[in-house]
Amino acid sequence: MNSHTDAQLLREYAQRHAEAAFGELVRRHVDLVYSAAVRMVRDAQLAEDVTQSVFLALAQSANQLTDRPVLSGWLHRTAQNLAANAVRSDVRRRARE
């Protein structure tokens, strides 16, 4: 499974719901996603939540992403978008309190 490309793993997950393939994708990219999230939200717990949301989005979007040549770019951009949303939500929540 280690020798498979990201695209092969994603296709395997999308077509056969292969949990091992998805687990390998998470293992390969979790550090990139978490570091992107923590740089933006500056909070470890919130960065973990964002990271989890990114991989949930990946699971939900797997079918549309199987032809994408570079998965890490999509993961990084999604992490930035979800982190920005989390920061905005956190700012609004604090303003209400």
PDB file of N, CA and C in Angstrom:
ATOM      1  N   MET A   1       0.837  -1.208   0.000  1.00  0.00           N
ATOM      2  CA  MET A   1       0.000   0.000   0.000  1.00  0.00           C
ATOM      3  C   MET A   1       0.873   1.259   0.000  1.00  0.00           C
ATOM      4  N   ASN A   2       2.073   1.174   0.594  1.00  0.00           N
ATOM      5  CA  ASN A   2       2.965   2.332   0.629  1.00  0.00           C
ATOM      6  C   ASN A   2       3.426   2.761  -0.755  1.00  0.00           C
ATOM      7  N   SER A   3       3.513   1.807  -1.695  1.00  0.00           N
ATOM      8  CA  SER A   3       4.018   2.137  -3.022  1.00  0.00           C
ATOM      9  C   SER A   3       2.935   2.715  -3.934  1.00  0.00           C
ATOM     10  N   HIS A   4       1.698   2.684  -3.497  1.00  0.00           N
ATOM     11  CA  HIS A   4       0.607   3.246  -4.301  1.00  0.00           C
ATOM     12  C   HIS A   4       0.703   4.765  -4.324  1.00  0.00           C
ATOM     13  N   THR A   5       0.297   5.364  -5.441  1.00  0.00           N
ATOM     14  CA  THR A   5       0.231   6.819  -5.503  1.00  0.00           C
ATOM     15  C   THR A   5      -1.010   7.290  -4.751  1.00  0.00           C
ATOM     16  N   ASP A   6      -1.043   8.575  -4.444  1.00  0.00           N
ATOM     17  CA  ASP A   6      -2.226   9.142  -3.801  1.00  0.00           C
ATOM     18  C   ASP A   6      -3.468   8.896  -4.656  1.00  0.00           C
ATOM     19  N   ALA A   7      -3.321   9.073  -5.970  1.00  0.00           N
ATOM     20  CA  ALA A   7      -4.459   8.895  -6.876  1.00  0.00           C
ATOM     21  C   ALA A   7      -4.980   7.459  -6.831  1.00  0.00           C
ATOM     22  N   GLN A   8      -4.067   6.492  -6.784  1.00  0.00           N
ATOM     23  CA  GLN A   8      -4.489   5.089  -6.705  1.00  0.00           C
ATOM     24  C   GLN A   8      -5.222   4.819  -5.392  1.00  0.00           C
ATOM     25  N   LEU A   9      -4.694   5.345  -4.311  1.00  0.00           N
ATOM     26  CA  LEU A   9      -5.326   5.148  -2.999  1.00  0.00           C
ATOM     27  C   LEU A   9      -6.709   5.791  -2.968  1.00  0.00           C
ATOM     28  N   LEU A  10      -6.801   6.990  -3.501  1.00  0.00           N
ATOM     29  CA  LEU A  10      -8.073   7.707  -3.514  1.00  0.00           C
ATOM     30  C   LEU A  10      -9.102   6.961  -4.355  1.00  0.00           C
ATOM     31  N   ARG A  11      -8.661   6.457  -5.507  1.00  0.00           N
ATOM     32  CA  ARG A  11      -9.560   5.691  -6.378  1.00  0.00           C
ATOM     33  C   ARG A  11     -10.036   4.422  -5.665  1.00  0.00           C
ATOM     34  N   GLU A  12      -9.117   3.768  -4.974  1.00  0.00           N
ATOM     35  CA  GLU A  12      -9.456   2.549  -4.238  1.00  0.00           C
ATOM     36  C   GLU A  12     -10.496   2.851  -3.151  1.00  0.00           C
ATOM     37  N   TYR A  13     -10.304   3.964  -2.471  1.00  0.00           N
ATOM     38  CA  TYR A  13     -11.275   4.353  -1.436  1.00  0.00           C
ATOM     39  C   TYR A  13     -12.614   4.719  -2.074  1.00  0.00           C
ATOM     40  N   ALA A  14     -12.578   5.503  -3.141  1.00  0.00           N
ATOM     41  CA  ALA A  14     -13.809   5.979  -3.786  1.00  0.00           C
ATOM     42  C   ALA A  14     -14.617   4.816  -4.365  1.00  0.00           C
ATOM     43  N   GLN A  15     -13.940   3.863  -4.973  1.00  0.00           N
ATOM     44  CA  GLN A  15     -14.649   2.770  -5.651  1.00  0.00           C
ATOM     45  C   GLN A  15     -15.018   1.632  -4.716  1.00  0.00           C
ATOM     46  N   ARG A  16     -14.127   1.317  -3.767  1.00  0.00           N
ATOM     47  CA  ARG A  16     -14.359   0.135  -2.927  1.00  0.00           C
ATOM     48  C   ARG A  16     -14.499   0.442  -1.436  1.00  0.00           C
ATOM     49  N   HIS A  17     -14.504   1.726  -1.100  1.00  0.00           N
ATOM     50  CA  HIS A  17     -14.567   2.134   0.308  1.00  0.00           C
ATOM     51  C   HIS A  17     -13.490   1.435   1.144  1.00  0.00           C
ATOM     52  N   ALA A  18     -12.296   1.326   0.573  1.00  0.00           N
ATOM     53  CA  ALA A  18     -11.170   0.658   1.233  1.00  0.00           C
ATOM     54  C   ALA A  18     -10.633   1.557   2.345  1.00  0.00           C
ATOM     55  N   GLU A  19     -10.961   1.212   3.580  1.00  0.00           N
ATOM     56  CA  GLU A  19     -10.533   2.017   4.733  1.00  0.00           C
ATOM     57  C   GLU A  19      -9.004   2.076   4.839  1.00  0.00           C
ATOM     58  N   ALA A  20      -8.327   0.984   4.498  1.00  0.00           N
ATOM     59  CA  ALA A  20      -6.860   0.969   4.579  1.00  0.00           C
ATOM     60  C   ALA A  20      -6.264   2.002   3.624  1.00  0.00           C
ATOM     61  N   ALA A  21      -6.851   2.142   2.445  1.00  0.00           N
ATOM     62  CA  ALA A  21      -6.368   3.122   1.476  1.00  0.00           C
ATOM     63  C   ALA A  21      -6.559   4.534   2.021  1.00  0.00           C
ATOM     64  N   PHE A  22      -7.724   4.793   2.618  1.00  0.00           N
ATOM     65  CA  PHE A  22      -7.976   6.118   3.184  1.00  0.00           C
ATOM     66  C   PHE A  22      -7.030   6.382   4.357  1.00  0.00           C
ATOM     67  N   GLY A  23      -6.824   5.372   5.186  1.00  0.00           N
ATOM     68  CA  GLY A  23      -5.902   5.500   6.313  1.00  0.00           C
ATOM     69  C   GLY A  23      -4.499   5.855   5.876  1.00  0.00           C
ATOM     70  N   GLU A  24      -4.070   5.267   4.762  1.00  0.00           N
ATOM     71  CA  GLU A  24      -2.745   5.578   4.230  1.00  0.00           C
ATOM     72  C   GLU A  24      -2.681   7.028   3.751  1.00  0.00           C
ATOM     73  N   LEU A  25      -3.757   7.512   3.110  1.00  0.00           N
ATOM     74  CA  LEU A  25      -3.794   8.922   2.686  1.00  0.00           C
ATOM     75  C   LEU A  25      -3.705   9.848   3.896  1.00  0.00           C
ATOM     76  N   VAL A  26      -4.444   9.530   4.941  1.00  0.00           N
ATOM     77  CA  VAL A  26      -4.398  10.344   6.167  1.00  0.00           C
ATOM     78  C   VAL A  26      -2.979  10.336   6.730  1.00  0.00           C
ATOM     79  N   ARG A  27      -2.389   9.141   6.836  1.00  0.00           N
ATOM     80  CA  ARG A  27      -1.044   9.024   7.401  1.00  0.00           C
ATOM     81  C   ARG A  27      -0.043   9.872   6.603  1.00  0.00           C
ATOM     82  N   ARG A  28      -0.171   9.857   5.272  1.00  0.00           N
ATOM     83  CA  ARG A  28       0.759  10.610   4.422  1.00  0.00           C
ATOM     84  C   ARG A  28       0.605  12.115   4.560  1.00  0.00           C
ATOM     85  N   HIS A  29      -0.602  12.581   4.788  1.00  0.00           N
ATOM     86  CA  HIS A  29      -0.865  14.020   4.656  1.00  0.00           C
ATOM     87  C   HIS A  29      -1.298  14.719   5.944  1.00  0.00           C
ATOM     88  N   VAL A  30      -1.459  13.984   7.035  1.00  0.00           N
ATOM     89  CA  VAL A  30      -1.986  14.610   8.246  1.00  0.00           C
ATOM     90  C   VAL A  30      -1.064  15.717   8.768  1.00  0.00           C
ATOM     91  N   ASP A  31       0.248  15.540   8.664  1.00  0.00           N
ATOM     92  CA  ASP A  31       1.168  16.564   9.167  1.00  0.00           C
ATOM     93  C   ASP A  31       1.064  17.857   8.358  1.00  0.00           C
ATOM     94  N   LEU A  32       0.963  17.728   7.039  1.00  0.00           N
ATOM     95  CA  LEU A  32       0.810  18.899   6.166  1.00  0.00           C
ATOM     96  C   LEU A  32      -0.476  19.653   6.508  1.00  0.00           C
ATOM     97  N   VAL A  33      -1.562  18.916   6.638  1.00  0.00           N
ATOM     98  CA  VAL A  33      -2.866  19.535   6.903  1.00  0.00           C
ATOM     99  C   VAL A  33      -2.859  20.206   8.277  1.00  0.00           C
ATOM    100  N   TYR A  34      -2.361  19.486   9.286  1.00  0.00           N
ATOM    101  CA  TYR A  34      -2.344  20.039  10.639  1.00  0.00           C
ATOM    102  C   TYR A  34      -1.457  21.284  10.710  1.00  0.00           C
ATOM    103  N   SER A  35      -0.281  21.245  10.088  1.00  0.00           N
ATOM    104  CA  SER A  35       0.610  22.415  10.164  1.00  0.00           C
ATOM    105  C   SER A  35       0.000  23.623   9.455  1.00  0.00           C
ATOM    106  N   ALA A  36      -0.683  23.388   8.342  1.00  0.00           N
ATOM    107  CA  ALA A  36      -1.363  24.503   7.661  1.00  0.00           C
ATOM    108  C   ALA A  36      -2.457  25.072   8.555  1.00  0.00           C
ATOM    109  N   ALA A  37      -3.207  24.192   9.214  1.00  0.00           N
ATOM    110  CA  ALA A  37      -4.299  24.635  10.083  1.00  0.00           C
ATOM    111  C   ALA A  37      -3.768  25.392  11.292  1.00  0.00           C
ATOM    112  N   VAL A  38      -2.745  24.863  11.937  1.00  0.00           N
ATOM    113  CA  VAL A  38      -2.243  25.496  13.162  1.00  0.00           C
ATOM    114  C   VAL A  38      -1.606  26.855  12.866  1.00  0.00           C
ATOM    115  N   ARG A  39      -1.000  27.002  11.683  1.00  0.00           N
ATOM    116  CA  ARG A  39      -0.446  28.311  11.305  1.00  0.00           C
ATOM    117  C   ARG A  39      -1.551  29.361  11.224  1.00  0.00           C
ATOM    118  N   MET A  40      -2.717  28.954  10.793  1.00  0.00           N
ATOM    119  CA  MET A  40      -3.810  29.914  10.630  1.00  0.00           C
ATOM    120  C   MET A  40      -4.608  30.142  11.902  1.00  0.00           C
ATOM    121  N   VAL A  41      -4.927  29.072  12.613  1.00  0.00           N
ATOM    122  CA  VAL A  41      -5.817  29.244  13.772  1.00  0.00           C
ATOM    123  C   VAL A  41      -5.044  29.503  15.063  1.00  0.00           C
ATOM    124  N   ARG A  42      -3.763  29.163  15.085  1.00  0.00           N
ATOM    125  CA  ARG A  42      -2.896  29.393  16.247  1.00  0.00           C
ATOM    126  C   ARG A  42      -3.449  28.796  17.538  1.00  0.00           C
ATOM    127  N   ASP A  43      -4.087  27.640  17.392  1.00  0.00           N
ATOM    128  CA  ASP A  43      -4.648  26.951  18.556  1.00  0.00           C
ATOM    129  C   ASP A  43      -4.649  25.459  18.233  1.00  0.00           C
ATOM    130  N   ALA A  44      -3.980  24.661  19.066  1.00  0.00           N
ATOM    131  CA  ALA A  44      -3.803  23.235  18.769  1.00  0.00           C
ATOM    132  C   ALA A  44      -5.136  22.494  18.662  1.00  0.00           C
ATOM    133  N   GLN A  45      -6.053  22.738  19.592  1.00  0.00           N
ATOM    134  CA  GLN A  45      -7.334  22.029  19.571  1.00  0.00           C
ATOM    135  C   GLN A  45      -8.155  22.399  18.331  1.00  0.00           C
ATOM    136  N   LEU A  46      -8.199  23.682  18.023  1.00  0.00           N
ATOM    137  CA  LEU A  46      -8.938  24.129  16.842  1.00  0.00           C
ATOM    138  C   LEU A  46      -8.285  23.580  15.566  1.00  0.00           C
ATOM    139  N   ALA A  47      -6.963  23.520  15.546  1.00  0.00           N
ATOM    140  CA  ALA A  47      -6.250  22.965  14.384  1.00  0.00           C
ATOM    141  C   ALA A  47      -6.578  21.479  14.214  1.00  0.00           C
ATOM    142  N   GLU A  48      -6.714  20.758  15.322  1.00  0.00           N
ATOM    143  CA  GLU A  48      -7.111  19.348  15.234  1.00  0.00           C
ATOM    144  C   GLU A  48      -8.512  19.219  14.660  1.00  0.00           C
ATOM    145  N   ASP A  49      -9.416  20.094  15.080  1.00  0.00           N
ATOM    146  CA  ASP A  49     -10.789  20.078  14.545  1.00  0.00           C
ATOM    147  C   ASP A  49     -10.786  20.362  13.045  1.00  0.00           C
ATOM    148  N   VAL A  50      -9.996  21.346  12.638  1.00  0.00           N
ATOM    149  CA  VAL A  50      -9.900  21.695  11.214  1.00  0.00           C
ATOM    150  C   VAL A  50      -9.333  20.509  10.438  1.00  0.00           C
ATOM    151  N   THR A  51      -8.292  19.875  10.973  1.00  0.00           N
ATOM    152  CA  THR A  51      -7.669  18.725  10.313  1.00  0.00           C
ATOM    153  C   THR A  51      -8.682  17.607  10.114  1.00  0.00           C
ATOM    154  N   GLN A  52      -9.452  17.342  11.146  1.00  0.00           N
ATOM    155  CA  GLN A  52     -10.488  16.310  11.047  1.00  0.00           C
ATOM    156  C   GLN A  52     -11.516  16.690   9.973  1.00  0.00           C
ATOM    157  N   SER A  53     -11.892  17.935   9.920  1.00  0.00           N
ATOM    158  CA  SER A  53     -12.860  18.408   8.919  1.00  0.00           C
ATOM    159  C   SER A  53     -12.321  18.277   7.499  1.00  0.00           C
ATOM    160  N   VAL A  54     -11.027  18.517   7.334  1.00  0.00           N
ATOM    161  CA  VAL A  54     -10.413  18.392   5.998  1.00  0.00           C
ATOM    162  C   VAL A  54     -10.507  16.947   5.515  1.00  0.00           C
ATOM    163  N   PHE A  55     -10.189  15.997   6.396  1.00  0.00           N
ATOM    164  CA  PHE A  55     -10.232  14.596   5.972  1.00  0.00           C
ATOM    165  C   PHE A  55     -11.664  14.096   5.814  1.00  0.00           C
ATOM    166  N   LEU A  56     -12.589  14.670   6.556  1.00  0.00           N
ATOM    167  CA  LEU A  56     -14.005  14.366   6.335  1.00  0.00           C
ATOM    168  C   LEU A  56     -14.416  14.867   4.947  1.00  0.00           C
ATOM    169  N   ALA A  57     -13.985  16.076   4.592  1.00  0.00           N
ATOM    170  CA  ALA A  57     -14.275  16.625   3.266  1.00  0.00           C
ATOM    171  C   ALA A  57     -13.639  15.755   2.181  1.00  0.00           C
ATOM    172  N   LEU A  58     -12.439  15.256   2.437  1.00  0.00           N
ATOM    173  CA  LEU A  58     -11.779  14.375   1.473  1.00  0.00           C
ATOM    174  C   LEU A  58     -12.605  13.100   1.270  1.00  0.00           C
ATOM    175  N   ALA A  59     -13.072  12.509   2.351  1.00  0.00           N
ATOM    176  CA  ALA A  59     -13.881  11.289   2.246  1.00  0.00           C
ATOM    177  C   ALA A  59     -15.148  11.556   1.441  1.00  0.00           C
ATOM    178  N   GLN A  60     -15.762  12.706   1.680  1.00  0.00           N
ATOM    179  CA  GLN A  60     -17.008  13.040   0.992  1.00  0.00           C
ATOM    180  C   GLN A  60     -16.786  13.404  -0.472  1.00  0.00           C
ATOM    181  N   SER A  61     -15.601  13.906  -0.804  1.00  0.00           N
ATOM    182  CA  SER A  61     -15.311  14.368  -2.160  1.00  0.00           C
ATOM    183  C   SER A  61     -14.447  13.392  -2.948  1.00  0.00           C
ATOM    184  N   ALA A  62     -14.177  12.234  -2.400  1.00  0.00           N
ATOM    185  CA  ALA A  62     -13.228  11.290  -3.010  1.00  0.00           C
ATOM    186  C   ALA A  62     -13.526  11.022  -4.478  1.00  0.00           C
ATOM    187  N   ASN A  63     -14.792  10.827  -4.825  1.00  0.00           N
ATOM    188  CA  ASN A  63     -15.142  10.524  -6.222  1.00  0.00           C
ATOM    189  C   ASN A  63     -14.737  11.645  -7.175  1.00  0.00           C
ATOM    190  N   GLN A  64     -14.901  12.896  -6.757  1.00  0.00           N
ATOM    191  CA  GLN A  64     -14.582  14.027  -7.633  1.00  0.00           C
ATOM    192  C   GLN A  64     -13.075  14.282  -7.724  1.00  0.00           C
ATOM    193  N   LEU A  65     -12.315  13.734  -6.790  1.00  0.00           N
ATOM    194  CA  LEU A  65     -10.891  14.068  -6.721  1.00  0.00           C
ATOM    195  C   LEU A  65      -9.974  12.999  -7.308  1.00  0.00           C
ATOM    196  N   THR A  66     -10.539  11.901  -7.792  1.00  0.00           N
ATOM    197  CA  THR A  66      -9.689  10.783  -8.232  1.00  0.00           C
ATOM    198  C   THR A  66      -8.779  11.140  -9.404  1.00  0.00           C
ATOM    199  N   ASP A  67      -9.135  12.126 -10.216  1.00  0.00           N
ATOM    200  CA  ASP A  67      -8.296  12.495 -11.359  1.00  0.00           C
ATOM    201  C   ASP A  67      -7.364  13.666 -11.065  1.00  0.00           C
ATOM    202  N   ARG A  68      -7.411  14.168  -9.854  1.00  0.00           N
ATOM    203  CA  ARG A  68      -6.561  15.313  -9.492  1.00  0.00           C
ATOM    204  C   ARG A  68      -5.106  14.851  -9.383  1.00  0.00           C
ATOM    205  N   PRO A  69      -4.194  15.509 -10.112  1.00  0.00           N
ATOM    206  CA  PRO A  69      -2.807  15.031 -10.116  1.00  0.00           C
ATOM    207  C   PRO A  69      -2.089  15.231  -8.771  1.00  0.00           C
ATOM    208  N   VAL A  70      -2.381  16.319  -8.066  1.00  0.00           N
ATOM    209  CA  VAL A  70      -1.671  16.592  -6.807  1.00  0.00           C
ATOM    210  C   VAL A  70      -2.685  16.787  -5.681  1.00  0.00           C
ATOM    211  N   LEU A  71      -2.866  15.758  -4.895  1.00  0.00           N
ATOM    212  CA  LEU A  71      -3.842  15.799  -3.801  1.00  0.00           C
ATOM    213  C   LEU A  71      -3.413  16.769  -2.700  1.00  0.00           C
ATOM    214  N   SER A  72      -2.108  16.868  -2.456  1.00  0.00           N
ATOM    215  CA  SER A  72      -1.637  17.721  -1.359  1.00  0.00           C
ATOM    216  C   SER A  72      -2.053  19.177  -1.545  1.00  0.00           C
ATOM    217  N   GLY A  73      -2.115  19.654  -2.793  1.00  0.00           N
ATOM    218  CA  GLY A  73      -2.566  21.028  -3.049  1.00  0.00           C
ATOM    219  C   GLY A  73      -4.011  21.222  -2.638  1.00  0.00           C
ATOM    220  N   TRP A  74      -4.862  20.258  -2.967  1.00  0.00           N
ATOM    221  CA  TRP A  74      -6.277  20.328  -2.587  1.00  0.00           C
ATOM    222  C   TRP A  74      -6.406  20.291  -1.063  1.00  0.00           C
ATOM    223  N   LEU A  75      -5.651  19.411  -0.424  1.00  0.00           N
ATOM    224  CA  LEU A  75      -5.714  19.301   1.041  1.00  0.00           C
ATOM    225  C   LEU A  75      -5.268  20.598   1.704  1.00  0.00           C
ATOM    226  N   HIS A  76      -4.200  21.182   1.200  1.00  0.00           N
ATOM    227  CA  HIS A  76      -3.679  22.423   1.778  1.00  0.00           C
ATOM    228  C   HIS A  76      -4.682  23.557   1.618  1.00  0.00           C
ATOM    229  N   ARG A  77      -5.238  23.697   0.419  1.00  0.00           N
ATOM    230  CA  ARG A  77      -6.222  24.756   0.161  1.00  0.00           C
ATOM    231  C   ARG A  77      -7.474  24.550   1.016  1.00  0.00           C
ATOM    232  N   THR A  78      -7.920  23.318   1.140  1.00  0.00           N
ATOM    233  CA  THR A  78      -9.105  23.025   1.959  1.00  0.00           C
ATOM    234  C   THR A  78      -8.816  23.333   3.425  1.00  0.00           C
ATOM    235  N   ALA A  79      -7.622  22.999   3.884  1.00  0.00           N
ATOM    236  CA  ALA A  79      -7.235  23.319   5.264  1.00  0.00           C
ATOM    237  C   ALA A  79      -7.259  24.825   5.487  1.00  0.00           C
ATOM    238  N   GLN A  80      -6.732  25.586   4.529  1.00  0.00           N
ATOM    239  CA  GLN A  80      -6.734  27.051   4.660  1.00  0.00           C
ATOM    240  C   GLN A  80      -8.160  27.596   4.703  1.00  0.00           C
ATOM    241  N   ASN A  81      -9.020  27.091   3.831  1.00  0.00           N
ATOM    242  CA  ASN A  81     -10.407  27.566   3.796  1.00  0.00           C
ATOM    243  C   ASN A  81     -11.150  27.231   5.084  1.00  0.00           C
ATOM    244  N   LEU A  82     -11.012  25.993   5.541  1.00  0.00           N
ATOM    245  CA  LEU A  82     -11.719  25.589   6.766  1.00  0.00           C
ATOM    246  C   LEU A  82     -11.139  26.286   7.990  1.00  0.00           C
ATOM    247  N   ALA A  83      -9.835  26.524   7.990  1.00  0.00           N
ATOM    248  CA  ALA A  83      -9.205  27.255   9.104  1.00  0.00           C
ATOM    249  C   ALA A  83      -9.711  28.692   9.139  1.00  0.00           C
ATOM    250  N   ALA A  84      -9.809  29.326   7.975  1.00  0.00           N
ATOM    251  CA  ALA A  84     -10.321  30.697   7.917  1.00  0.00           C
ATOM    252  C   ALA A  84     -11.758  30.746   8.430  1.00  0.00           C
ATOM    253  N   ASN A  85     -12.573  29.778   8.050  1.00  0.00           N
ATOM    254  CA  ASN A  85     -13.950  29.712   8.555  1.00  0.00           C
ATOM    255  C   ASN A  85     -13.970  29.522  10.063  1.00  0.00           C
ATOM    256  N   ALA A  86     -13.085  28.677  10.573  1.00  0.00           N
ATOM    257  CA  ALA A  86     -13.028  28.422  12.016  1.00  0.00           C
ATOM    258  C   ALA A  86     -12.631  29.684  12.773  1.00  0.00           C
ATOM    259  N   VAL A  87     -11.668  30.431  12.235  1.00  0.00           N
ATOM    260  CA  VAL A  87     -11.234  31.678  12.879  1.00  0.00           C
ATOM    261  C   VAL A  87     -12.384  32.675  12.894  1.00  0.00           C
ATOM    262  N   ARG A  88     -13.082  32.826  11.760  1.00  0.00           N
ATOM    263  CA  ARG A  88     -14.230  33.748  11.715  1.00  0.00           C
ATOM    264  C   ARG A  88     -15.301  33.344  12.717  1.00  0.00           C
ATOM    265  N   SER A  89     -15.600  32.053  12.795  1.00  0.00           N
ATOM    266  CA  SER A  89     -16.612  31.564  13.738  1.00  0.00           C
ATOM    267  C   SER A  89     -16.180  31.846  15.172  1.00  0.00           C
ATOM    268  N   ASP A  90     -14.900  31.624  15.444  1.00  0.00           N
ATOM    269  CA  ASP A  90     -14.378  31.837  16.789  1.00  0.00           C
ATOM    270  C   ASP A  90     -14.450  33.315  17.162  1.00  0.00           C
ATOM    271  N   VAL A  91     -14.123  34.202  16.223  1.00  0.00           N
ATOM    272  CA  VAL A  91     -14.182  35.649  16.475  1.00  0.00           C
ATOM    273  C   VAL A  91     -15.631  36.057  16.762  1.00  0.00           C
ATOM    274  N   ARG A  92     -16.561  35.541  15.937  1.00  0.00           N
ATOM    275  CA  ARG A  92     -17.981  35.879  16.153  1.00  0.00           C
ATOM    276  C   ARG A  92     -18.482  35.359  17.491  1.00  0.00           C
ATOM    277  N   ARG A  93     -18.060  34.133  17.839  1.00  0.00           N
ATOM    278  CA  ARG A  93     -18.493  33.550  19.112  1.00  0.00           C
ATOM    279  C   ARG A  93     -17.983  34.392  20.280  1.00  0.00           C
ATOM    280  N   ARG A  94     -16.722  34.809  20.216  1.00  0.00           N
ATOM    281  CA  ARG A  94     -16.161  35.619  21.300  1.00  0.00           C
ATOM    282  C   ARG A  94     -16.847  36.976  21.392  1.00  0.00           C
ATOM    283  N   ALA A  95     -17.216  37.534  20.251  1.00  0.00           N
ATOM    284  CA  ALA A  95     -17.904  38.834  20.243  1.00  0.00           C
ATOM    285  C   ALA A  95     -19.269  38.730  20.925  1.00  0.00           C
ATOM    286  N   ARG A  96     -19.917  37.595  20.739  1.00  0.00           N
ATOM    287  CA  ARG A  96     -21.242  37.395  21.370  1.00  0.00           C
ATOM    288  C   ARG A  96     -21.126  37.185  22.876  1.00  0.00           C
ATOM    289  N   GLU A  97     -19.999  36.633  23.340  1.00  0.00           N
ATOM    290  CA  GLU A  97     -19.878  36.286  24.765  1.00  0.00           C
ATOM    291  C   GLU A  97     -19.668  37.461  25.620  1.00  0.00           C
TER     292      GLU A  97
END
